[in-house]
Protein backbone atom coordinates (compact mmCIF):
# COMPACT_ATOMS: atom_id res chain seq x y z
CA MET A 1 89.98 106.47 122.62
CA ARG A 2 91.59 103.57 120.83
CA PHE A 3 89.66 100.74 119.22
CA SER A 4 90.98 97.20 119.15
CA THR A 5 92.01 95.21 116.11
CA ARG A 6 88.78 93.24 116.54
CA ALA A 7 86.72 96.44 116.11
CA ARG A 8 88.73 97.63 113.10
CA TYR A 9 88.73 94.26 111.35
CA GLY A 10 85.08 93.63 112.23
CA LEU A 11 84.03 96.92 110.70
CA ARG A 12 86.05 96.10 107.55
CA ALA A 13 84.41 92.67 107.32
CA MET A 14 80.95 94.20 107.71
CA LEU A 15 81.78 96.77 105.04
CA GLU A 16 82.80 93.92 102.74
CA LEU A 17 79.42 92.26 103.29
CA ALA A 18 77.70 95.59 102.63
CA LEU A 19 79.65 96.28 99.43
CA HIS A 20 78.48 92.93 98.01
CA TYR A 21 75.08 92.91 99.71
CA ASN A 22 72.39 90.72 98.24
CA PRO A 23 69.78 89.51 100.74
CA ASN A 24 69.61 86.13 98.98
CA GLU A 25 73.32 85.41 98.51
CA PRO A 26 75.54 84.81 101.53
CA ILE A 27 79.22 85.56 101.08
CA PRO A 28 81.68 82.81 102.03
CA LEU A 29 83.93 83.80 104.90
CA VAL A 30 87.00 82.82 102.89
CA GLN A 31 86.16 85.55 100.34
CA VAL A 32 85.80 88.20 103.03
CA ALA A 33 89.09 87.06 104.59
CA GLU A 34 90.94 87.19 101.27
CA ARG A 35 89.54 90.56 100.17
CA GLN A 36 90.25 92.19 103.52
CA GLY A 37 93.51 90.43 104.41
CA ILE A 38 92.14 89.02 107.65
CA SER A 39 92.80 85.54 109.01
CA GLU A 40 89.79 83.31 108.41
CA GLY A 41 89.98 81.92 111.95
CA TYR A 42 90.05 85.38 113.50
CA LEU A 43 87.22 86.48 111.23
CA GLU A 44 85.14 83.49 112.36
CA GLN A 45 85.53 84.59 115.99
CA MET A 46 84.41 88.13 115.13
CA MET A 47 81.43 86.87 113.16
CA SER A 48 80.28 84.98 116.24
CA PHE A 49 80.03 88.26 118.17
CA LEU A 50 78.33 89.99 115.24
CA ARG A 51 75.84 87.14 114.84
CA LYS A 52 74.99 87.24 118.55
CA GLY A 53 74.58 91.00 118.22
CA GLY A 54 72.04 90.53 115.44
CA VAL A 55 73.88 92.31 112.62
CA VAL A 56 74.78 89.25 110.52
CA ARG A 57 73.22 85.88 109.79
CA SER A 58 75.08 82.71 108.95
CA VAL A 59 73.93 80.31 106.27
CA ARG A 60 75.20 76.73 106.36
CA GLY A 61 75.98 74.48 103.48
CA ALA A 62 77.97 74.44 100.25
CA LEU A 63 76.55 77.81 99.20
CA GLY A 64 76.66 79.18 102.73
CA GLY A 65 78.44 82.10 104.29
CA TYR A 66 77.43 85.30 105.99
CA ILE A 67 74.90 87.94 105.10
CA LEU A 68 73.86 91.20 106.72
CA ALA A 69 70.84 90.78 108.99
CA ARG A 70 69.40 94.07 107.68
CA GLU A 71 70.01 96.40 104.76
CA PRO A 72 73.30 98.38 104.95
CA ASP A 73 71.45 101.64 105.59
CA ARG A 74 69.97 100.14 108.78
CA ILE A 75 73.21 99.01 110.45
CA THR A 76 75.41 101.63 112.11
CA ALA A 77 79.10 101.57 112.83
CA GLY A 78 78.21 102.12 116.50
CA GLU A 79 76.13 98.96 116.58
CA ILE A 80 79.00 96.96 115.08
CA ILE A 81 81.61 98.41 117.45
CA ARG A 82 79.42 97.69 120.48
CA CYS A 83 78.93 94.06 119.34
CA LEU A 84 82.69 93.64 119.22
CA GLU A 85 83.91 95.90 122.03
CA GLY A 86 81.00 96.30 124.40
CA PRO A 87 79.68 99.67 125.58
CA LEU A 88 81.55 102.81 124.55
CA SER A 89 83.65 103.96 127.46
CA PRO A 90 86.71 106.22 127.42
CA THR A 91 86.89 105.58 131.20
CA GLY A 92 85.06 103.14 133.46
CA CYS A 93 83.13 105.85 135.31
CA VAL A 94 81.30 106.99 132.16
CA SER A 95 80.56 103.64 130.53
CA GLU A 96 77.31 103.54 128.56
CA GLU A 97 76.19 100.59 130.67
CA ASN A 98 76.94 100.13 134.35
CA PRO A 99 79.41 102.94 134.98
CA GLU A 100 81.88 102.20 137.76
CA GLN A 101 81.20 103.93 141.05
CA CYS A 102 83.74 106.58 141.84
CA SER A 103 84.16 108.43 145.13
CA ARG A 104 84.93 111.57 143.12
CA ALA A 105 81.83 111.40 140.86
CA ASP A 106 79.97 114.26 142.57
CA PHE A 107 82.76 116.81 142.05
CA CYS A 108 84.99 115.36 139.31
CA VAL A 109 85.47 117.89 136.52
CA THR A 110 87.22 115.41 134.23
CA ARG A 111 84.22 113.08 134.40
CA VAL A 112 82.21 115.72 132.54
CA LEU A 113 84.91 115.81 129.85
CA TRP A 114 84.91 112.00 129.50
CA GLU A 115 81.12 112.01 129.16
CA ARG A 116 81.38 114.55 126.33
CA VAL A 117 84.07 112.45 124.63
CA ARG A 118 81.88 109.33 124.89
CA GLU A 119 78.84 111.19 123.57
CA SER A 120 80.81 112.66 120.64
CA VAL A 121 82.24 109.29 119.65
CA ALA A 122 78.79 107.70 119.96
CA GLU A 123 77.25 110.44 117.81
CA VAL A 124 79.75 109.83 114.99
CA LEU A 125 79.54 106.03 115.15
CA ASP A 126 75.76 105.93 115.54
CA GLY A 127 75.32 108.49 112.77
CA THR A 128 77.33 106.44 110.25
CA THR A 129 75.71 103.49 108.51
CA LEU A 130 77.30 100.78 106.39
CA GLU A 131 75.60 102.44 103.42
CA ASP A 132 77.46 105.68 104.23
CA LEU A 133 80.73 103.74 104.27
CA CYS A 134 79.85 102.08 100.95
CA ARG A 135 79.37 105.54 99.41
CA GLU A 136 82.75 106.61 100.78
CA ALA A 137 84.37 103.47 99.34
CA GLU A 138 82.86 104.28 95.94
CA LYS A 139 84.22 107.85 96.09
CA ILE A 140 87.69 106.52 96.85
CA ARG A 141 87.44 103.96 94.04
CA ARG A 142 86.39 106.64 91.54
CA SER A 143 89.12 108.98 92.72
CA ASN A 144 91.77 106.28 92.31
CA GLU A 145 90.49 105.44 88.81
CA ALA A 146 90.62 109.11 87.85
CA ASP A 147 94.24 109.28 88.98
CA MET A 148 95.20 106.40 86.68
CA TYR A 149 96.20 107.16 83.13
CA CYS A 150 98.07 105.48 80.32
CA ILE A 151 100.73 106.94 78.08
């Protein structure tokens, strides 16, 4: 299963909001774009999907920007991916919502495999919160600092 650039960039943008989360201080989109190396225009399109999906809020004005709609420990990677990509679906016949009708559905062995793939991916994505990703980012940061030394 391959995720689109929109899903990958959207998850990075949401992680950026989580890393700097303060429920009273929105983060300007330009800062997210600069820190993550994502085009501001493309990021604006993604934020529209995420706002409609209820995972971010936008704040207008000079001190405006975007802010997580809930605390980072209450937003999962699966929720973000679904906002940007739609239902998880390695094939159309096992889509989470409205699976395609298939004349082979009653005896298709591979359909069972695709269902297991979808369920496994969903389990990982739905079991990973933005807070989990923030902890991983901190581990990486600490590891990189430990590797640095001066002579």
